[in-house]
Protein backbone atom coordinates (compact mmCIF):
# COMPACT_ATOMS: atom_id res chain seq x y z
CA MET A 1 -17.12 -0.98 -16.54
CA ARG A 2 -18.70 2.48 -16.52
CA LEU A 3 -16.53 5.09 -14.81
CA TYR A 4 -17.13 8.59 -13.53
CA GLU A 5 -14.66 11.23 -14.66
CA PHE A 6 -12.78 11.28 -11.35
CA GLN A 7 -12.26 7.51 -11.55
CA LYS A 8 -10.57 7.48 -14.96
CA GLU A 9 -7.10 8.90 -14.30
CA PRO A 10 -6.21 6.55 -11.42
CA LEU A 11 -7.15 3.58 -13.59
CA ASN A 12 -5.31 4.92 -16.63
CA ALA A 13 -2.21 5.39 -14.48
CA ILE A 14 -1.68 1.63 -14.16
CA ILE A 15 -0.40 1.45 -17.74
CA GLU A 16 1.59 4.70 -17.76
CA PRO A 17 5.24 3.95 -18.63
CA GLY A 18 7.41 4.13 -15.54
CA VAL A 19 4.56 4.12 -13.02
CA ARG A 20 5.21 1.48 -10.35
CA LYS A 21 2.98 2.73 -7.57
CA VAL A 22 -0.50 4.29 -7.54
CA VAL A 23 -1.76 5.83 -4.29
CA LEU A 24 -5.46 6.59 -3.80
CA MET A 25 -6.46 8.64 -0.76
CA SER A 26 -10.16 9.44 -0.87
CA SER A 27 -13.39 9.52 1.08
CA ALA A 28 -15.37 6.32 1.56
CA GLN A 29 -17.65 4.84 -1.12
CA LEU A 30 -16.14 6.91 -3.92
CA LEU A 31 -13.65 5.09 -6.13
CA LYS A 32 -11.17 2.84 -4.31
CA THR A 33 -12.87 -0.55 -4.68
CA THR A 34 -13.88 0.21 -8.27
CA ILE A 35 -10.30 1.07 -9.21
CA VAL A 36 -8.79 -1.96 -7.45
CA THR A 37 -11.29 -4.28 -9.12
CA GLY A 38 -10.90 -2.70 -12.55
CA ALA A 39 -7.11 -2.66 -12.41
CA SER A 40 -6.69 -6.24 -11.20
CA LEU A 41 -9.18 -7.61 -13.73
CA TYR A 42 -7.53 -5.64 -16.53
CA PHE A 43 -4.24 -7.38 -15.82
CA LEU A 44 -6.00 -10.73 -15.38
CA GLN A 45 -7.18 -10.54 -18.98
CA HIS A 46 -4.50 -8.53 -20.78
CA ASP A 47 -1.26 -9.29 -18.94
CA PRO A 48 -1.72 -12.20 -16.51
CA SER A 49 0.74 -12.57 -13.67
CA ASN A 50 0.69 -13.42 -9.98
CA MET A 51 -1.29 -10.80 -8.03
CA VAL A 52 -1.77 -10.07 -4.34
CA ILE A 53 -5.05 -8.48 -3.25
CA ALA A 54 -4.80 -7.43 0.38
CA GLY A 55 -7.17 -5.94 2.93
CA THR A 56 -7.01 -4.94 6.56
CA THR A 57 -8.41 -8.21 7.92
CA ALA A 58 -9.17 -11.68 6.60
CA ASN A 59 -12.87 -10.94 6.96
CA THR A 60 -12.76 -7.78 4.85
CA VAL A 61 -10.80 -9.59 2.14
CA LYS A 62 -13.32 -12.44 2.19
CA LYS A 63 -16.24 -10.02 1.85
CA TYR A 64 -14.57 -8.26 -1.06
CA LYS A 65 -13.72 -11.50 -2.87
CA ASN A 66 -17.16 -13.07 -2.39
CA GLY A 67 -19.21 -9.91 -2.80
CA LYS A 68 -17.47 -8.02 -5.60
CA TYR A 69 -14.43 -9.68 -7.15
CA ASP A 70 -15.79 -13.16 -7.88
CA PRO A 71 -19.27 -11.96 -8.98
CA THR A 72 -17.69 -9.55 -11.47
CA ILE A 73 -15.68 -12.39 -12.97
CA GLN A 74 -18.69 -14.71 -13.09
CA LEU A 75 -20.76 -12.09 -14.93
CA THR A 76 -18.03 -11.50 -17.53
CA PRO A 77 -17.59 -14.51 -19.86
CA SER A 78 -14.15 -13.43 -21.10
CA LEU A 79 -12.91 -13.33 -17.49
CA ALA A 80 -14.77 -16.39 -16.22
CA LYS A 81 -12.96 -18.64 -18.67
CA LEU A 82 -9.61 -17.50 -17.22
CA ILE A 83 -10.31 -18.89 -13.73
CA THR A 84 -9.94 -22.59 -12.95
CA SER A 85 -12.93 -24.55 -11.69
CA LYS A 86 -13.31 -25.23 -7.97
CA SER A 87 -14.24 -28.81 -8.86
CA ASP A 88 -10.89 -29.41 -10.58
CA LYS A 89 -8.83 -31.28 -7.97
CA THR A 90 -5.60 -30.58 -9.86
CA LYS A 91 -5.99 -26.81 -9.48
CA THR A 92 -6.25 -24.41 -6.54
CA ASN A 93 -9.33 -22.25 -6.16
CA ASP A 94 -10.30 -21.47 -2.58
CA ALA A 95 -10.81 -18.51 -0.23
CA THR A 96 -7.18 -17.38 -0.28
CA THR A 97 -5.67 -18.66 -3.54
CA GLN A 98 -7.16 -18.55 -7.02
CA GLU A 99 -5.34 -20.28 -9.88
CA THR A 100 -5.88 -19.12 -13.45
CA THR A 101 -6.01 -21.26 -16.56
CA VAL A 102 -2.61 -19.90 -17.66
CA GLY A 103 -0.93 -20.96 -14.42
CA THR A 104 -0.76 -17.66 -12.52
CA PHE A 105 -2.20 -17.12 -9.05
CA ASN A 106 -4.31 -14.48 -7.32
CA TYR A 107 -3.62 -14.35 -3.58
CA PHE A 108 -6.13 -12.83 -1.15
CA VAL A 109 -4.41 -11.94 2.12
CA SER A 110 -4.83 -9.97 5.35
CA LEU A 111 -2.37 -7.16 6.01
CA ASN A 112 -2.82 -7.56 9.75
CA SER A 113 -1.59 -11.16 9.46
CA PRO A 114 1.93 -10.59 8.09
CA SER A 115 2.71 -14.31 8.16
CA THR A 116 0.32 -14.79 5.21
CA LEU A 117 2.53 -12.51 3.12
CA ARG A 118 5.75 -14.44 3.47
CA GLY A 119 6.78 -16.69 0.64
CA LEU A 120 4.54 -14.97 -1.92
CA THR A 121 5.89 -13.55 -5.18
CA ALA A 122 3.68 -11.34 -7.30
CA LYS A 123 4.14 -8.80 -10.06
CA ARG A 124 1.13 -6.73 -8.96
CA VAL A 125 -0.03 -5.87 -5.46
CA PHE A 126 -3.32 -4.18 -4.56
CA CYS A 127 -3.88 -3.01 -0.96
CA ASP A 128 -7.14 -1.55 0.31
CA GLU A 129 -7.79 0.43 3.52
CA ILE A 130 -4.16 0.49 4.62
CA SER A 131 -4.93 3.13 7.26
CA GLY A 132 -6.37 0.37 9.42
CA VAL A 133 -3.11 -1.58 9.41
CA GLU A 134 -0.89 -1.95 12.48
CA THR A 135 2.51 -0.91 11.15
CA ASP A 136 4.51 -1.56 14.33
CA GLY A 137 3.61 -5.18 15.03
CA ASP A 138 6.01 -7.89 16.15
CA GLU A 139 6.25 -9.31 12.62
CA GLY A 140 7.18 -6.01 10.99
CA ASN A 141 5.38 -3.44 8.87
CA PRO A 142 2.82 -5.29 6.70
CA ILE A 143 2.84 -2.53 4.08
CA ALA A 144 6.59 -2.89 3.66
CA LEU A 145 6.31 -6.68 3.64
CA VAL A 146 3.63 -6.76 0.95
CA SER A 147 5.58 -4.25 -1.15
CA GLN A 148 8.56 -6.59 -1.11
CA ARG A 149 6.51 -9.28 -2.86
CA CYS A 150 7.14 -7.64 -6.24
CA GLU A 151 10.67 -6.28 -5.84
CA SER A 152 12.12 -8.77 -8.32
CA PHE A 153 10.03 -7.39 -11.20
CA ARG A 154 11.27 -4.30 -13.04
CA ASP A 155 7.75 -3.51 -14.30
CA SER A 156 5.83 -4.30 -11.12
CA LEU A 157 2.85 -2.29 -9.86
CA ILE A 158 1.70 -1.53 -6.33
CA MET A 159 -1.63 0.15 -5.60
CA MET A 160 -2.26 1.57 -2.13
CA CYS A 161 -5.78 2.74 -1.26
CA SER A 162 -7.50 4.02 1.84
CA THR A 163 -9.70 6.56 3.51
CA PRO A 164 -7.50 8.46 5.99
CA LEU A 165 -8.39 7.94 9.64
CA VAL A 166 -5.97 10.30 11.40
CA PRO A 167 -3.28 12.74 10.23
CA ASP A 168 -0.04 11.05 9.20
CA ASP A 169 -1.54 7.56 9.06
CA PRO A 170 -0.24 5.08 6.44
CA ILE A 171 -2.22 6.42 3.47
CA CYS A 172 -1.30 10.02 4.34
CA GLN A 173 2.36 9.03 4.39
CA GLU A 174 2.08 7.22 1.06
CA PHE A 175 0.27 10.17 -0.53
CA ALA A 176 2.91 12.60 0.78
CA MET A 177 5.56 10.61 -1.11
CA SER A 178 3.56 10.65 -4.37
CA ASP A 179 3.16 13.41 -6.97
CA GLN A 180 -0.06 14.39 -5.14
CA ARG A 181 -2.54 14.76 -7.97
CA TYR A 182 -5.95 16.21 -7.11
CA PHE A 183 -9.22 16.11 -9.03
CA HIS A 184 -10.34 19.60 -10.05
CA VAL A 185 -13.79 20.79 -11.07
CA PRO A 186 -14.36 23.99 -13.09
CA CYS A 187 -16.80 26.54 -11.69
CA PRO A 188 -19.95 26.58 -13.88
CA LYS A 189 -20.00 30.38 -13.63
CA CYS A 190 -16.42 31.59 -14.06
CA GLY A 191 -14.60 28.46 -15.19
CA ASP A 192 -12.04 28.62 -12.38
CA GLU A 193 -10.74 25.13 -11.62
CA GLN A 194 -10.92 24.12 -7.98
CA ARG A 195 -10.67 21.14 -5.69
CA LEU A 196 -13.87 20.02 -4.01
CA ILE A 197 -13.20 20.82 -0.36
CA TRP A 198 -15.95 20.26 2.19
CA GLU A 199 -15.24 23.55 3.98
CA ASN A 200 -16.15 25.38 0.77
CA VAL A 201 -19.61 23.79 0.56
CA LYS A 202 -22.17 26.31 1.77
CA PHE A 203 -25.88 25.80 2.39
CA LYS A 204 -28.54 28.49 2.46
CA TRP A 205 -31.63 27.21 4.20
CA LYS A 206 -34.34 28.22 6.56
CA VAL A 207 -34.97 26.30 9.75
CA ILE A 208 -38.58 25.91 10.85
CA ASP A 209 -39.32 24.73 14.36
CA GLY A 210 -40.71 21.22 14.33
CA GLY A 211 -39.73 20.27 10.78
CA PRO A 212 -37.30 20.59 7.84
CA SER A 213 -37.54 23.27 5.22
CA VAL A 214 -35.86 24.54 2.07
CA SER A 215 -35.63 28.07 0.76
CA ALA A 216 -37.43 27.23 -2.47
CA THR A 217 -40.93 26.52 -3.70
CA VAL A 218 -41.75 22.84 -4.12
CA LEU A 219 -44.41 22.23 -6.75
CA SER A 220 -47.16 19.64 -6.25
CA GLN A 221 -45.92 17.65 -9.25
CA GLU A 222 -42.43 17.54 -7.71
CA LYS A 223 -43.84 16.15 -4.50
CA ILE A 224 -45.28 13.24 -6.48
CA ASN A 225 -42.24 12.61 -8.69
CA PHE A 226 -39.64 12.72 -5.92
CA ASN A 227 -41.43 10.66 -3.28
CA PHE A 228 -39.66 7.65 -1.78
CA TRP A 229 -40.21 5.14 0.98
């Protein structure tokens, strides 16, 4: 798995001594799914145990499993041999439960259906897009319920990921209780390390009536090389 620099520390944190929870609060399409996939598959191969992979709804979990998780395993021979065959009637391998060849289970559940969480025991729990979870439902707080799945393990790991939707939503609360690490980028001019904050991004452009424009000369060769449909 090839990682960008900002994706490395969250993934390395899963094997830091004493770390039992990793919280990722980030913008969309940046690192969350990559980290969840990389972390869960790392444990699948190097330290197998029961795992819970949870999403906001059953549909989002299904899309993740069928579109990213399973294909990654199928394309990696060392991982593919760790998953039992769907044709083996003595094993379980369906949309919600995946048995491994060493007897552990991967559970794929919906956080907005708390009943699916009861009765599960897992050493590692991975939750994606927790900001979309209803925390005050009749069956209790799903985030608290899923966290309880691994309470009996002294070396358990919980990963909570989401793009924040509103201030003080579930991922904001989880991040506030963490050590709040931020990714910093040094200025190419002065070397000052800074966080990438959207308000600090400035554009200098010229607006031409009837069409877009940039305040730079575009060469003919560049027009050819950078064309797209």
